[in-house]
Amino acid sequence: MGEASYEEMILDILYVDGRISKAKLIGVLVGVVIFVANLIFLVPTSLRGGVLPFFITVFICFLEIVIYYSICRGVGYLIRKFSN
């Protein structure tokens, strides 16, 4: 397994075959919206509870972002595969 540079990893998040993927872009935008919503509503409440609730909230936020990004990529793949 080869080592990828940070630039290659960042480009892999949005690009497919040298062009920006709409599904990946939507997944990133949904992830940003989830991050901002959790930052506004959940993080201040969890900080009042202590360190453990804060880290649990951050971990759940990360999982939500990964799940929604994967769903958007999967839907984009299915649309691209079956639209031809």
C-alpha atoms as a PDB file:
ATOM      1  CA  MET A   1       0.000   0.000   0.000  1.00  0.00           C
ATOM      2  CA  GLY A   2       1.633   3.234  -1.117  1.00  0.00           C
ATOM      3  CA  GLU A   3       1.807   6.412   0.836  1.00  0.00           C
ATOM      4  CA  ALA A   4      -0.317   9.246  -0.545  1.00  0.00           C
ATOM      5  CA  SER A   5       0.531  12.883  -0.041  1.00  0.00           C
ATOM      6  CA  TYR A   6      -1.913  15.215   1.660  1.00  0.00           C
ATOM      7  CA  GLU A   7      -2.665  16.895  -1.663  1.00  0.00           C
ATOM      8  CA  GLU A   8      -3.574  13.569  -3.270  1.00  0.00           C
ATOM      9  CA  MET A   9      -5.828  12.633  -0.342  1.00  0.00           C
ATOM     10  CA  ILE A  10      -7.627  15.986  -0.460  1.00  0.00           C
ATOM     11  CA  LEU A  11      -8.083  15.733  -4.226  1.00  0.00           C
ATOM     12  CA  ASP A  12      -9.461  12.191  -3.790  1.00  0.00           C
ATOM     13  CA  ILE A  13     -12.218  13.577  -1.556  1.00  0.00           C
ATOM     14  CA  LEU A  14     -13.746  15.672  -4.381  1.00  0.00           C
ATOM     15  CA  TYR A  15     -12.381  14.524  -7.745  1.00  0.00           C
ATOM     16  CA  VAL A  16     -13.253  11.552  -9.970  1.00  0.00           C
ATOM     17  CA  ASP A  17     -11.294  11.023 -13.192  1.00  0.00           C
ATOM     18  CA  GLY A  18      -9.868  14.558 -13.101  1.00  0.00           C
ATOM     19  CA  ARG A  19     -13.205  16.336 -12.630  1.00  0.00           C
ATOM     20  CA  ILE A  20     -15.167  17.440  -9.595  1.00  0.00           C
ATOM     21  CA  SER A  21     -17.795  14.871  -8.628  1.00  0.00           C
ATOM     22  CA  LYS A  22     -21.187  16.390  -7.847  1.00  0.00           C
ATOM     23  CA  ALA A  23     -22.051  13.570  -5.430  1.00  0.00           C
ATOM     24  CA  LYS A  24     -18.802  13.988  -3.514  1.00  0.00           C
ATOM     25  CA  LEU A  25     -19.289  17.762  -3.434  1.00  0.00           C
ATOM     26  CA  ILE A  26     -22.812  17.327  -2.051  1.00  0.00           C
ATOM     27  CA  GLY A  27     -21.429  14.891   0.534  1.00  0.00           C
ATOM     28  CA  VAL A  28     -18.813  17.413   1.640  1.00  0.00           C
ATOM     29  CA  LEU A  29     -21.409  20.195   1.852  1.00  0.00           C
ATOM     30  CA  VAL A  30     -23.760  17.986   3.900  1.00  0.00           C
ATOM     31  CA  GLY A  31     -20.809  17.155   6.157  1.00  0.00           C
ATOM     32  CA  VAL A  32     -20.056  20.840   6.671  1.00  0.00           C
ATOM     33  CA  VAL A  33     -23.708  21.532   7.514  1.00  0.00           C
ATOM     34  CA  ILE A  34     -23.730  18.665  10.033  1.00  0.00           C
ATOM     35  CA  PHE A  35     -20.476  19.920  11.550  1.00  0.00           C
ATOM     36  CA  VAL A  36     -21.801  23.475  11.932  1.00  0.00           C
ATOM     37  CA  ALA A  37     -25.118  22.274  13.375  1.00  0.00           C
ATOM     38  CA  ASN A  38     -23.346  20.079  15.911  1.00  0.00           C
ATOM     39  CA  LEU A  39     -20.940  22.903  16.717  1.00  0.00           C
ATOM     40  CA  ILE A  40     -23.818  25.266  17.425  1.00  0.00           C
ATOM     41  CA  PHE A  41     -26.243  22.945  19.227  1.00  0.00           C
ATOM     42  CA  LEU A  42     -24.451  19.922  20.710  1.00  0.00           C
ATOM     43  CA  VAL A  43     -20.887  20.918  21.553  1.00  0.00           C
ATOM     44  CA  PRO A  44     -21.719  23.681  24.082  1.00  0.00           C
ATOM     45  CA  THR A  45     -24.096  21.343  25.918  1.00  0.00           C
ATOM     46  CA  SER A  46     -21.557  18.524  25.971  1.00  0.00           C
ATOM     47  CA  LEU A  47     -18.820  20.857  27.212  1.00  0.00           C
ATOM     48  CA  ARG A  48     -20.937  21.630  30.253  1.00  0.00           C
ATOM     49  CA  GLY A  49     -21.097  17.893  30.991  1.00  0.00           C
ATOM     50  CA  GLY A  50     -17.358  17.334  31.037  1.00  0.00           C
ATOM     51  CA  VAL A  51     -14.619  15.837  28.922  1.00  0.00           C
ATOM     52  CA  LEU A  52     -16.177  12.426  28.254  1.00  0.00           C
ATOM     53  CA  PRO A  53     -19.511  13.725  26.871  1.00  0.00           C
ATOM     54  CA  PHE A  54     -17.568  16.192  24.723  1.00  0.00           C
ATOM     55  CA  PHE A  55     -15.406  13.484  23.129  1.00  0.00           C
ATOM     56  CA  ILE A  56     -18.426  11.232  22.635  1.00  0.00           C
ATOM     57  CA  THR A  57     -20.231  14.113  20.879  1.00  0.00           C
ATOM     58  CA  VAL A  58     -17.215  14.807  18.651  1.00  0.00           C
ATOM     59  CA  PHE A  59     -16.926  11.109  17.766  1.00  0.00           C
ATOM     60  CA  ILE A  60     -20.644  10.870  16.918  1.00  0.00           C
ATOM     61  CA  CYS A  61     -20.355  14.039  14.794  1.00  0.00           C
ATOM     62  CA  PHE A  62     -17.434  12.485  12.887  1.00  0.00           C
ATOM     63  CA  LEU A  63     -19.402   9.271  12.312  1.00  0.00           C
ATOM     64  CA  GLU A  64     -22.405  11.242  11.026  1.00  0.00           C
ATOM     65  CA  ILE A  65     -20.207  13.106   8.556  1.00  0.00           C
ATOM     66  CA  VAL A  66     -18.605   9.886   7.285  1.00  0.00           C
ATOM     67  CA  ILE A  67     -21.965   8.114   6.960  1.00  0.00           C
ATOM     68  CA  TYR A  68     -23.652  10.949   5.044  1.00  0.00           C
ATOM     69  CA  TYR A  69     -20.603  11.412   2.798  1.00  0.00           C
ATOM     70  CA  SER A  70     -20.636   7.682   2.016  1.00  0.00           C
ATOM     71  CA  ILE A  71     -24.373   7.752   1.291  1.00  0.00           C
ATOM     72  CA  CYS A  72     -23.929  10.662  -1.132  1.00  0.00           C
ATOM     73  CA  ARG A  73     -21.041   8.881  -2.868  1.00  0.00           C
ATOM     74  CA  GLY A  74     -23.066   5.668  -3.125  1.00  0.00           C
ATOM     75  CA  VAL A  75     -26.089   7.436  -4.572  1.00  0.00           C
ATOM     76  CA  GLY A  76     -23.836   9.249  -7.051  1.00  0.00           C
ATOM     77  CA  TYR A  77     -22.295   5.927  -8.082  1.00  0.00           C
ATOM     78  CA  LEU A  78     -25.703   4.322  -8.573  1.00  0.00           C
ATOM     79  CA  ILE A  79     -26.971   7.269 -10.605  1.00  0.00           C
ATOM     80  CA  ARG A  80     -23.840   7.233 -12.790  1.00  0.00           C
ATOM     81  CA  LYS A  81     -23.983   3.449 -13.259  1.00  0.00           C
ATOM     82  CA  PHE A  82     -27.667   3.106 -14.094  1.00  0.00           C
ATOM     83  CA  SER A  83     -28.158   6.343 -16.062  1.00  0.00           C
ATOM     84  CA  ASN A  84     -26.137   5.083 -19.026  1.00  0.00           C
END
